[in-house]
Amino acid sequence: MEWIALIVAGFFEMFGVLMIHQLHQNRNVQTLLLMITGFGVSFICLGYALNTLPMGTAYAIWTGMGASGGTILGMVFYNEAKDWKRLCLITMVLGAAIGLKLVS
């Protein structure tokens, strides 16, 4: 169950990052509340996952999902650069997170 909570935390982290971008485009209360909710749920799920998972592994997976997911979502929704170097580095980050899961 803790692994599921960690994955959910990663997805809400990505949602929070998207809301940061939205907040820069149009400042309104709804977007601010969505951003706070996204990051809040992310922290709550991460905290739950840390009850049994090693802190270093959980944090690496959470930040890896947030960083890689935010980059991928930026490519998909905001037409950010999609060159092979960025994709290779995202693959490396995700591979390292998966490797940490396999050894913990």
PDB file of N, CA and C in Angstrom:
ATOM      1  N   MET A   1       0.813  -1.199   0.000  1.00  0.00           N
ATOM      2  CA  MET A   1       0.000   0.000   0.000  1.00  0.00           C
ATOM      3  C   MET A   1       0.859   1.267   0.000  1.00  0.00           C
ATOM      4  N   GLU A   2       2.023   1.191   0.668  1.00  0.00           N
ATOM      5  CA  GLU A   2       2.895   2.364   0.723  1.00  0.00           C
ATOM      6  C   GLU A   2       3.458   2.711  -0.658  1.00  0.00           C
ATOM      7  N   TRP A   3       3.728   1.696  -1.472  1.00  0.00           N
ATOM      8  CA  TRP A   3       4.226   1.967  -2.821  1.00  0.00           C
ATOM      9  C   TRP A   3       3.165   2.664  -3.658  1.00  0.00           C
ATOM     10  N   ILE A   4       1.916   2.257  -3.485  1.00  0.00           N
ATOM     11  CA  ILE A   4       0.823   2.920  -4.208  1.00  0.00           C
ATOM     12  C   ILE A   4       0.721   4.372  -3.762  1.00  0.00           C
ATOM     13  N   ALA A   5       0.831   4.612  -2.461  1.00  0.00           N
ATOM     14  CA  ALA A   5       0.786   5.982  -1.938  1.00  0.00           C
ATOM     15  C   ALA A   5       1.934   6.809  -2.509  1.00  0.00           C
ATOM     16  N   LEU A   6       3.104   6.201  -2.656  1.00  0.00           N
ATOM     17  CA  LEU A   6       4.249   6.922  -3.209  1.00  0.00           C
ATOM     18  C   LEU A   6       4.015   7.287  -4.677  1.00  0.00           C
ATOM     19  N   ILE A   7       3.448   6.375  -5.439  1.00  0.00           N
ATOM     20  CA  ILE A   7       3.149   6.655  -6.850  1.00  0.00           C
ATOM     21  C   ILE A   7       2.087   7.753  -6.951  1.00  0.00           C
ATOM     22  N   VAL A   8       1.063   7.681  -6.114  1.00  0.00           N
ATOM     23  CA  VAL A   8       0.035   8.730  -6.092  1.00  0.00           C
ATOM     24  C   VAL A   8       0.665  10.070  -5.725  1.00  0.00           C
ATOM     25  N   ALA A   9       1.580  10.061  -4.764  1.00  0.00           N
ATOM     26  CA  ALA A   9       2.281  11.293  -4.379  1.00  0.00           C
ATOM     27  C   ALA A   9       3.037  11.878  -5.568  1.00  0.00           C
ATOM     28  N   GLY A  10       3.679  11.012  -6.352  1.00  0.00           N
ATOM     29  CA  GLY A  10       4.399  11.480  -7.536  1.00  0.00           C
ATOM     30  C   GLY A  10       3.478  12.116  -8.559  1.00  0.00           C
ATOM     31  N   PHE A  11       2.298  11.516  -8.771  1.00  0.00           N
ATOM     32  CA  PHE A  11       1.355  12.088  -9.730  1.00  0.00           C
ATOM     33  C   PHE A  11       0.806  13.433  -9.252  1.00  0.00           C
ATOM     34  N   PHE A  12       0.538  13.547  -7.952  1.00  0.00           N
ATOM     35  CA  PHE A  12       0.072  14.837  -7.443  1.00  0.00           C
ATOM     36  C   PHE A  12       1.188  15.883  -7.473  1.00  0.00           C
ATOM     37  N   GLU A  13       2.425  15.446  -7.344  1.00  0.00           N
ATOM     38  CA  GLU A  13       3.562  16.363  -7.488  1.00  0.00           C
ATOM     39  C   GLU A  13       3.601  16.921  -8.915  1.00  0.00           C
ATOM     40  N   MET A  14       3.396  16.039  -9.893  1.00  0.00           N
ATOM     41  CA  MET A  14       3.356  16.491 -11.293  1.00  0.00           C
ATOM     42  C   MET A  14       2.198  17.460 -11.513  1.00  0.00           C
ATOM     43  N   PHE A  15       1.041  17.166 -10.915  1.00  0.00           N
ATOM     44  CA  PHE A  15      -0.110  18.059 -11.019  1.00  0.00           C
ATOM     45  C   PHE A  15       0.212  19.426 -10.416  1.00  0.00           C
ATOM     46  N   GLY A  16       0.876  19.434  -9.265  1.00  0.00           N
ATOM     47  CA  GLY A  16       1.263  20.699  -8.647  1.00  0.00           C
ATOM     48  C   GLY A  16       2.191  21.516  -9.528  1.00  0.00           C
ATOM     49  N   VAL A  17       3.117  20.829 -10.199  1.00  0.00           N
ATOM     50  CA  VAL A  17       4.034  21.519 -11.112  1.00  0.00           C
ATOM     51  C   VAL A  17       3.252  22.128 -12.276  1.00  0.00           C
ATOM     52  N   LEU A  18       2.291  21.393 -12.816  1.00  0.00           N
ATOM     53  CA  LEU A  18       1.450  21.952 -13.883  1.00  0.00           C
ATOM     54  C   LEU A  18       0.702  23.195 -13.407  1.00  0.00           C
ATOM     55  N   MET A  19       0.229  23.155 -12.166  1.00  0.00           N
ATOM     56  CA  MET A  19      -0.510  24.297 -11.640  1.00  0.00           C
ATOM     57  C   MET A  19       0.394  25.506 -11.416  1.00  0.00           C
ATOM     58  N   ILE A  20       1.679  25.272 -11.124  1.00  0.00           N
ATOM     59  CA  ILE A  20       2.616  26.399 -11.034  1.00  0.00           C
ATOM     60  C   ILE A  20       2.684  27.108 -12.384  1.00  0.00           C
ATOM     61  N   HIS A  21       2.778  26.337 -13.448  1.00  0.00           N
ATOM     62  CA  HIS A  21       2.824  26.924 -14.790  1.00  0.00           C
ATOM     63  C   HIS A  21       1.532  27.675 -15.099  1.00  0.00           C
ATOM     64  N   GLN A  22       0.403  27.076 -14.748  1.00  0.00           N
ATOM     65  CA  GLN A  22      -0.887  27.732 -14.968  1.00  0.00           C
ATOM     66  C   GLN A  22      -0.982  29.030 -14.167  1.00  0.00           C
ATOM     67  N   LEU A  23      -0.467  29.014 -12.953  1.00  0.00           N
ATOM     68  CA  LEU A  23      -0.532  30.197 -12.095  1.00  0.00           C
ATOM     69  C   LEU A  23       0.282  31.350 -12.688  1.00  0.00           C
ATOM     70  N   HIS A  24       1.376  31.016 -13.358  1.00  0.00           N
ATOM     71  CA  HIS A  24       2.167  32.065 -14.006  1.00  0.00           C
ATOM     72  C   HIS A  24       1.452  32.636 -15.225  1.00  0.00           C
ATOM     73  N   GLN A  25       0.622  31.820 -15.878  1.00  0.00           N
ATOM     74  CA  GLN A  25      -0.104  32.301 -17.052  1.00  0.00           C
ATOM     75  C   GLN A  25      -1.299  33.166 -16.663  1.00  0.00           C
ATOM     76  N   ASN A  26      -2.080  32.713 -15.696  1.00  0.00           N
ATOM     77  CA  ASN A  26      -3.223  33.513 -15.248  1.00  0.00           C
ATOM     78  C   ASN A  26      -3.399  33.335 -13.742  1.00  0.00           C
ATOM     79  N   ARG A  27      -3.182  34.396 -13.047  1.00  0.00           N
ATOM     80  CA  ARG A  27      -3.255  34.356 -11.583  1.00  0.00           C
ATOM     81  C   ARG A  27      -4.713  34.451 -11.150  1.00  0.00           C
ATOM     82  N   ASN A  28      -5.205  33.350 -10.582  1.00  0.00           N
ATOM     83  CA  ASN A  28      -6.533  33.367  -9.994  1.00  0.00           C
ATOM     84  C   ASN A  28      -6.555  32.430  -8.790  1.00  0.00           C
ATOM     85  N   VAL A  29      -7.580  32.590  -7.985  1.00  0.00           N
ATOM     86  CA  VAL A  29      -7.667  31.843  -6.734  1.00  0.00           C
ATOM     87  C   VAL A  29      -7.839  30.350  -7.000  1.00  0.00           C
ATOM     88  N   GLN A  30      -8.613  29.994  -8.009  1.00  0.00           N
ATOM     89  CA  GLN A  30      -8.858  28.581  -8.302  1.00  0.00           C
ATOM     90  C   GLN A  30      -7.560  27.847  -8.623  1.00  0.00           C
ATOM     91  N   THR A  31      -6.726  28.432  -9.456  1.00  0.00           N
ATOM     92  CA  THR A  31      -5.455  27.799  -9.805  1.00  0.00           C
ATOM     93  C   THR A  31      -4.547  27.702  -8.584  1.00  0.00           C
ATOM     94  N   LEU A  32      -4.531  28.738  -7.758  1.00  0.00           N
ATOM     95  CA  LEU A  32      -3.735  28.718  -6.535  1.00  0.00           C
ATOM     96  C   LEU A  32      -4.197  27.596  -5.606  1.00  0.00           C
ATOM     97  N   LEU A  33      -5.500  27.453  -5.444  1.00  0.00           N
ATOM     98  CA  LEU A  33      -6.032  26.399  -4.581  1.00  0.00           C
ATOM     99  C   LEU A  33      -5.739  25.010  -5.144  1.00  0.00           C
ATOM    100  N   LEU A  34      -5.811  24.865  -6.462  1.00  0.00           N
ATOM    101  CA  LEU A  34      -5.474  23.581  -7.083  1.00  0.00           C
ATOM    102  C   LEU A  34      -4.002  23.237  -6.866  1.00  0.00           C
ATOM    103  N   MET A  35      -3.133  24.238  -6.982  1.00  0.00           N
ATOM    104  CA  MET A  35      -1.709  24.012  -6.758  1.00  0.00           C
ATOM    105  C   MET A  35      -1.455  23.590  -5.309  1.00  0.00           C
ATOM    106  N   ILE A  36      -2.042  24.305  -4.368  1.00  0.00           N
ATOM    107  CA  ILE A  36      -1.866  23.978  -2.951  1.00  0.00           C
ATOM    108  C   ILE A  36      -2.408  22.586  -2.656  1.00  0.00           C
ATOM    109  N   THR A  37      -3.557  22.254  -3.227  1.00  0.00           N
ATOM    110  CA  THR A  37      -4.143  20.926  -3.029  1.00  0.00           C
ATOM    111  C   THR A  37      -3.247  19.844  -3.601  1.00  0.00           C
ATOM    112  N   GLY A  38      -2.743  20.062  -4.816  1.00  0.00           N
ATOM    113  CA  GLY A  38      -1.863  19.075  -5.444  1.00  0.00           C
ATOM    114  C   GLY A  38      -0.629  18.792  -4.613  1.00  0.00           C
ATOM    115  N   PHE A  39       0.055  19.844  -4.187  1.00  0.00           N
ATOM    116  CA  PHE A  39       1.256  19.651  -3.372  1.00  0.00           C
ATOM    117  C   PHE A  39       0.907  19.107  -1.987  1.00  0.00           C
ATOM    118  N   GLY A  40      -0.231  19.534  -1.433  1.00  0.00           N
ATOM    119  CA  GLY A  40      -0.636  19.043  -0.120  1.00  0.00           C
ATOM    120  C   GLY A  40      -0.908  17.549  -0.131  1.00  0.00           C
ATOM    121  N   VAL A  41      -1.679  17.081  -1.118  1.00  0.00           N
ATOM    122  CA  VAL A  41      -1.956  15.648  -1.228  1.00  0.00           C
ATOM    123  C   VAL A  41      -0.660  14.888  -1.478  1.00  0.00           C
ATOM    124  N   SER A  42       0.227  15.476  -2.279  1.00  0.00           N
ATOM    125  CA  SER A  42       1.515  14.844  -2.553  1.00  0.00           C
ATOM    126  C   SER A  42       2.308  14.635  -1.267  1.00  0.00           C
ATOM    127  N   PHE A  43       2.387  15.665  -0.419  1.00  0.00           N
ATOM    128  CA  PHE A  43       3.125  15.552   0.840  1.00  0.00           C
ATOM    129  C   PHE A  43       2.469  14.557   1.790  1.00  0.00           C
ATOM    130  N   ILE A  44       1.144  14.548   1.838  1.00  0.00           N
ATOM    131  CA  ILE A  44       0.442  13.607   2.722  1.00  0.00           C
ATOM    132  C   ILE A  44       0.726  12.168   2.295  1.00  0.00           C
ATOM    133  N   CYS A  45       0.625  11.907   0.990  1.00  0.00           N
ATOM    134  CA  CYS A  45       0.899  10.550   0.487  1.00  0.00           C
ATOM    135  C   CYS A  45       2.365  10.168   0.690  1.00  0.00           C
ATOM    136  N   LEU A  46       3.266  11.114   0.477  1.00  0.00           N
ATOM    137  CA  LEU A  46       4.681  10.838   0.718  1.00  0.00           C
ATOM    138  C   LEU A  46       4.915  10.515   2.187  1.00  0.00           C
ATOM    139  N   GLY A  47       4.309  11.285   3.062  1.00  0.00           N
ATOM    140  CA  GLY A  47       4.451  11.026   4.499  1.00  0.00           C
ATOM    141  C   GLY A  47       3.955   9.639   4.881  1.00  0.00           C
ATOM    142  N   TYR A  48       2.838   9.229   4.301  1.00  0.00           N
ATOM    143  CA  TYR A  48       2.312   7.892   4.569  1.00  0.00           C
ATOM    144  C   TYR A  48       3.283   6.827   4.070  1.00  0.00           C
ATOM    145  N   ALA A  49       3.820   7.032   2.874  1.00  0.00           N
ATOM    146  CA  ALA A  49       4.753   6.059   2.302  1.00  0.00           C
ATOM    147  C   ALA A  49       6.013   5.937   3.154  1.00  0.00           C
ATOM    148  N   LEU A  50       6.425   7.031   3.784  1.00  0.00           N
ATOM    149  CA  LEU A  50       7.640   7.012   4.594  1.00  0.00           C
ATOM    150  C   LEU A  50       7.483   6.239   5.896  1.00  0.00           C
ATOM    151  N   ASN A  51       6.253   5.834   6.219  1.00  0.00           N
ATOM    152  CA  ASN A  51       6.059   5.015   7.419  1.00  0.00           C
ATOM    153  C   ASN A  51       6.817   3.699   7.323  1.00  0.00           C
ATOM    154  N   THR A  52       6.949   3.139   6.122  1.00  0.00           N
ATOM    155  CA  THR A  52       7.631   1.845   5.978  1.00  0.00           C
ATOM    156  C   THR A  52       8.750   1.847   4.949  1.00  0.00           C
ATOM    157  N   LEU A  53       8.694   2.729   3.973  1.00  0.00           N
ATOM    158  CA  LEU A  53       9.726   2.741   2.931  1.00  0.00           C
ATOM    159  C   LEU A  53      10.952   3.513   3.399  1.00  0.00           C
ATOM    160  N   PRO A  54      12.139   3.127   2.923  1.00  0.00           N
ATOM    161  CA  PRO A  54      13.347   3.894   3.264  1.00  0.00           C
ATOM    162  C   PRO A  54      13.242   5.327   2.732  1.00  0.00           C
ATOM    163  N   MET A  55      13.637   6.283   3.560  1.00  0.00           N
ATOM    164  CA  MET A  55      13.497   7.684   3.195  1.00  0.00           C
ATOM    165  C   MET A  55      14.218   8.023   1.893  1.00  0.00           C
ATOM    166  N   GLY A  56      15.451   7.579   1.744  1.00  0.00           N
ATOM    167  CA  GLY A  56      16.222   7.911   0.546  1.00  0.00           C
ATOM    168  C   GLY A  56      15.575   7.385  -0.719  1.00  0.00           C
ATOM    169  N   THR A  57      15.089   6.163  -0.676  1.00  0.00           N
ATOM    170  CA  THR A  57      14.446   5.562  -1.839  1.00  0.00           C
ATOM    171  C   THR A  57      13.138   6.277  -2.160  1.00  0.00           C
ATOM    172  N   ALA A  58      12.301   6.481  -1.150  1.00  0.00           N
ATOM    173  CA  ALA A  58      11.008   7.132  -1.372  1.00  0.00           C
ATOM    174  C   ALA A  58      11.195   8.545  -1.906  1.00  0.00           C
ATOM    175  N   TYR A  59      12.122   9.300  -1.329  1.00  0.00           N
ATOM    176  CA  TYR A  59      12.333  10.672  -1.772  1.00  0.00           C
ATOM    177  C   TYR A  59      12.879  10.710  -3.200  1.00  0.00           C
ATOM    178  N   ALA A  60      13.785   9.802  -3.523  1.00  0.00           N
ATOM    179  CA  ALA A  60      14.343   9.768  -4.878  1.00  0.00           C
ATOM    180  C   ALA A  60      13.263   9.445  -5.908  1.00  0.00           C
ATOM    181  N   ILE A  61      12.404   8.509  -5.595  1.00  0.00           N
ATOM    182  CA  ILE A  61      11.335   8.160  -6.531  1.00  0.00           C
ATOM    183  C   ILE A  61      10.342   9.309  -6.654  1.00  0.00           C
ATOM    184  N   TRP A  62       9.991   9.927  -5.541  1.00  0.00           N
ATOM    185  CA  TRP A  62       9.044  11.040  -5.549  1.00  0.00           C
ATOM    186  C   TRP A  62       9.579  12.225  -6.354  1.00  0.00           C
ATOM    187  N   THR A  63      10.814  12.602  -6.102  1.00  0.00           N
ATOM    188  CA  THR A  63      11.382  13.732  -6.842  1.00  0.00           C
ATOM    189  C   THR A  63      11.640  13.363  -8.298  1.00  0.00           C
ATOM    190  N   GLY A  64      12.030  12.122  -8.550  1.00  0.00           N
ATOM    191  CA  GLY A  64      12.230  11.678  -9.931  1.00  0.00           C
ATOM    192  C   GLY A  64      10.945  11.730 -10.734  1.00  0.00           C
ATOM    193  N   MET A  65       9.862  11.286 -10.115  1.00  0.00           N
ATOM    194  CA  MET A  65       8.562  11.363 -10.795  1.00  0.00           C
ATOM    195  C   MET A  65       8.160  12.815 -11.031  1.00  0.00           C
ATOM    196  N   GLY A  66       8.358  13.651 -10.029  1.00  0.00           N
ATOM    197  CA  GLY A  66       7.977  15.054 -10.171  1.00  0.00           C
ATOM    198  C   GLY A  66       8.779  15.770 -11.240  1.00  0.00           C
ATOM    199  N   ALA A  67      10.088  15.565 -11.232  1.00  0.00           N
ATOM    200  CA  ALA A  67      10.952  16.247 -12.197  1.00  0.00           C
ATOM    201  C   ALA A  67      10.751  15.704 -13.613  1.00  0.00           C
ATOM    202  N   SER A  68      10.786  14.390 -13.745  1.00  0.00           N
ATOM    203  CA  SER A  68      10.617  13.789 -15.071  1.00  0.00           C
ATOM    204  C   SER A  68       9.206  14.016 -15.593  1.00  0.00           C
ATOM    205  N   GLY A  69       8.228  13.809 -14.726  1.00  0.00           N
ATOM    206  CA  GLY A  69       6.841  14.006 -15.141  1.00  0.00           C
ATOM    207  C   GLY A  69       6.558  15.445 -15.515  1.00  0.00           C
ATOM    208  N   GLY A  70       7.089  16.379 -14.744  1.00  0.00           N
ATOM    209  CA  GLY A  70       6.908  17.790 -15.076  1.00  0.00           C
ATOM    210  C   GLY A  70       7.522  18.143 -16.413  1.00  0.00           C
ATOM    211  N   THR A  71       8.682  17.579 -16.685  1.00  0.00           N
ATOM    212  CA  THR A  71       9.345  17.824 -17.970  1.00  0.00           C
ATOM    213  C   THR A  71       8.542  17.236 -19.124  1.00  0.00           C
ATOM    214  N   ILE A  72       8.080  16.000 -18.947  1.00  0.00           N
ATOM    215  CA  ILE A  72       7.287  15.352 -20.001  1.00  0.00           C
ATOM    216  C   ILE A  72       5.973  16.099 -20.232  1.00  0.00           C
ATOM    217  N   LEU A  73       5.305  16.503 -19.156  1.00  0.00           N
ATOM    218  CA  LEU A  73       4.063  17.250 -19.308  1.00  0.00           C
ATOM    219  C   LEU A  73       4.300  18.597 -19.992  1.00  0.00           C
ATOM    220  N   GLY A  74       5.429  19.225 -19.702  1.00  0.00           N
ATOM    221  CA  GLY A  74       5.781  20.468 -20.392  1.00  0.00           C
ATOM    222  C   GLY A  74       5.972  20.246 -21.886  1.00  0.00           C
ATOM    223  N   MET A  75       6.566  19.120 -22.241  1.00  0.00           N
ATOM    224  CA  MET A  75       6.738  18.785 -23.659  1.00  0.00           C
ATOM    225  C   MET A  75       5.396  18.548 -24.339  1.00  0.00           C
ATOM    226  N   VAL A  76       4.500  17.858 -23.638  1.00  0.00           N
ATOM    227  CA  VAL A  76       3.212  17.480 -24.231  1.00  0.00           C
ATOM    228  C   VAL A  76       2.258  18.669 -24.302  1.00  0.00           C
ATOM    229  N   PHE A  77       2.103  19.401 -23.182  1.00  0.00           N
ATOM    230  CA  PHE A  77       1.073  20.437 -23.114  1.00  0.00           C
ATOM    231  C   PHE A  77       1.563  21.839 -23.469  1.00  0.00           C
ATOM    232  N   TYR A  78       2.861  22.113 -23.303  1.00  0.00           N
ATOM    233  CA  TYR A  78       3.338  23.482 -23.483  1.00  0.00           C
ATOM    234  C   TYR A  78       4.396  23.604 -24.572  1.00  0.00           C
ATOM    235  N   ASN A  79       4.505  22.568 -25.392  1.00  0.00           N
ATOM    236  CA  ASN A  79       5.372  22.599 -26.573  1.00  0.00           C
ATOM    237  C   ASN A  79       6.828  22.929 -26.234  1.00  0.00           C
ATOM    238  N   GLU A  80       7.312  22.405 -25.113  1.00  0.00           N
ATOM    239  CA  GLU A  80       8.715  22.588 -24.771  1.00  0.00           C
ATOM    240  C   GLU A  80       9.577  21.676 -25.642  1.00  0.00           C
ATOM    241  N   ALA A  81      10.866  21.945 -25.684  1.00  0.00           N
ATOM    242  CA  ALA A  81      11.783  21.195 -26.552  1.00  0.00           C
ATOM    243  C   ALA A  81      11.710  19.693 -26.277  1.00  0.00           C
ATOM    244  N   LYS A  82      11.760  18.925 -27.375  1.00  0.00           N
ATOM    245  CA  LYS A  82      11.670  17.467 -27.277  1.00  0.00           C
ATOM    246  C   LYS A  82      12.914  16.807 -27.881  1.00  0.00           C
ATOM    247  N   ASP A  83      14.071  17.385 -27.680  1.00  0.00           N
ATOM    248  CA  ASP A  83      15.263  16.816 -28.312  1.00  0.00           C
ATOM    249  C   ASP A  83      15.713  15.538 -27.602  1.00  0.00           C
ATOM    250  N   TRP A  84      16.544  14.783 -28.263  1.00  0.00           N
ATOM    251  CA  TRP A  84      16.941  13.459 -27.782  1.00  0.00           C
ATOM    252  C   TRP A  84      17.726  13.537 -26.480  1.00  0.00           C
ATOM    253  N   LYS A  85      18.449  14.616 -26.236  1.00  0.00           N
ATOM    254  CA  LYS A  85      19.228  14.752 -25.005  1.00  0.00           C
ATOM    255  C   LYS A  85      18.313  14.804 -23.783  1.00  0.00           C
ATOM    256  N   ARG A  86      17.250  15.591 -23.884  1.00  0.00           N
ATOM    257  CA  ARG A  86      16.300  15.677 -22.762  1.00  0.00           C
ATOM    258  C   ARG A  86      15.646  14.331 -22.502  1.00  0.00           C
ATOM    259  N   LEU A  87      15.230  13.649 -23.564  1.00  0.00           N
ATOM    260  CA  LEU A  87      14.580  12.344 -23.418  1.00  0.00           C
ATOM    261  C   LEU A  87      15.538  11.312 -22.828  1.00  0.00           C
ATOM    262  N   CYS A  88      16.795  11.373 -23.218  1.00  0.00           N
ATOM    263  CA  CYS A  88      17.800  10.454 -22.678  1.00  0.00           C
ATOM    264  C   CYS A  88      18.001  10.702 -21.179  1.00  0.00           C
ATOM    265  N   LEU A  89      18.075  11.951 -20.784  1.00  0.00           N
ATOM    266  CA  LEU A  89      18.266  12.275 -19.363  1.00  0.00           C
ATOM    267  C   LEU A  89      17.045  11.912 -18.527  1.00  0.00           C
ATOM    268  N   ILE A  90      15.850  12.102 -19.067  1.00  0.00           N
ATOM    269  CA  ILE A  90      14.641  11.674 -18.361  1.00  0.00           C
ATOM    270  C   ILE A  90      14.668  10.168 -18.161  1.00  0.00           C
ATOM    271  N   THR A  91      15.068   9.437 -19.181  1.00  0.00           N
ATOM    272  CA  THR A  91      15.165   7.979 -19.085  1.00  0.00           C
ATOM    273  C   THR A  91      16.158   7.581 -17.999  1.00  0.00           C
ATOM    274  N   MET A  92      17.262   8.301 -17.897  1.00  0.00           N
ATOM    275  CA  MET A  92      18.252   8.003 -16.865  1.00  0.00           C
ATOM    276  C   MET A  92      17.685   8.243 -15.466  1.00  0.00           C
ATOM    277  N   VAL A  93      16.954   9.332 -15.278  1.00  0.00           N
ATOM    278  CA  VAL A  93      16.366   9.631 -13.975  1.00  0.00           C
ATOM    279  C   VAL A  93      15.365   8.549 -13.590  1.00  0.00           C
ATOM    280  N   LEU A  94      14.497   8.188 -14.523  1.00  0.00           N
ATOM    281  CA  LEU A  94      13.503   7.146 -14.236  1.00  0.00           C
ATOM    282  C   LEU A  94      14.169   5.795 -14.015  1.00  0.00           C
ATOM    283  N   GLY A  95      15.217   5.509 -14.778  1.00  0.00           N
ATOM    284  CA  GLY A  95      15.952   4.252 -14.587  1.00  0.00           C
ATOM    285  C   GLY A  95      16.600   4.184 -13.211  1.00  0.00           C
ATOM    286  N   ALA A  96      17.137   5.298 -12.737  1.00  0.00           N
ATOM    287  CA  ALA A  96      17.744   5.325 -11.403  1.00  0.00           C
ATOM    288  C   ALA A  96      16.686   5.102 -10.324  1.00  0.00           C
ATOM    289  N   ALA A  97      15.503   5.712 -10.497  1.00  0.00           N
ATOM    290  CA  ALA A  97      14.431   5.518  -9.519  1.00  0.00           C
ATOM    291  C   ALA A  97      13.968   4.064  -9.491  1.00  0.00           C
ATOM    292  N   ILE A  98      13.833   3.462 -10.651  1.00  0.00           N
ATOM    293  CA  ILE A  98      13.444   2.049 -10.721  1.00  0.00           C
ATOM    294  C   ILE A  98      14.529   1.178 -10.105  1.00  0.00           C
ATOM    295  N   GLY A  99      15.785   1.505 -10.375  1.00  0.00           N
ATOM    296  CA  GLY A  99      16.904   0.759  -9.772  1.00  0.00           C
ATOM    297  C   GLY A  99      16.882   0.817  -8.257  1.00  0.00           C
ATOM    298  N   LEU A 100      16.576   1.989  -7.696  1.00  0.00           N
ATOM    299  CA  LEU A 100      16.485   2.115  -6.243  1.00  0.00           C
ATOM    300  C   LEU A 100      15.371   1.233  -5.675  1.00  0.00           C
ATOM    301  N   LYS A 101      14.266   1.169  -6.405  1.00  0.00           N
ATOM    302  CA  LYS A 101      13.159   0.310  -5.949  1.00  0.00           C
ATOM    303  C   LYS A 101      13.586  -1.155  -5.964  1.00  0.00           C
ATOM    304  N   LEU A 102      14.333  -1.540  -6.985  1.00  0.00           N
ATOM    305  CA  LEU A 102      14.730  -2.933  -7.112  1.00  0.00           C
ATOM    306  C   LEU A 102      15.718  -3.373  -6.027  1.00  0.00           C
ATOM    307  N   VAL A 103      16.542  -2.466  -5.542  1.00  0.00           N
ATOM    308  CA  VAL A 103      17.536  -2.836  -4.534  1.00  0.00           C
ATOM    309  C   VAL A 103      17.072  -2.571  -3.105  1.00  0.00           C
ATOM    310  N   SER A 104      15.888  -1.988  -2.930  1.00  0.00           N
ATOM    311  CA  SER A 104      15.432  -1.713  -1.555  1.00  0.00           C
ATOM    312  C   SER A 104      14.388  -2.704  -1.104  1.00  0.00           C
TER     313      SER A 104
END
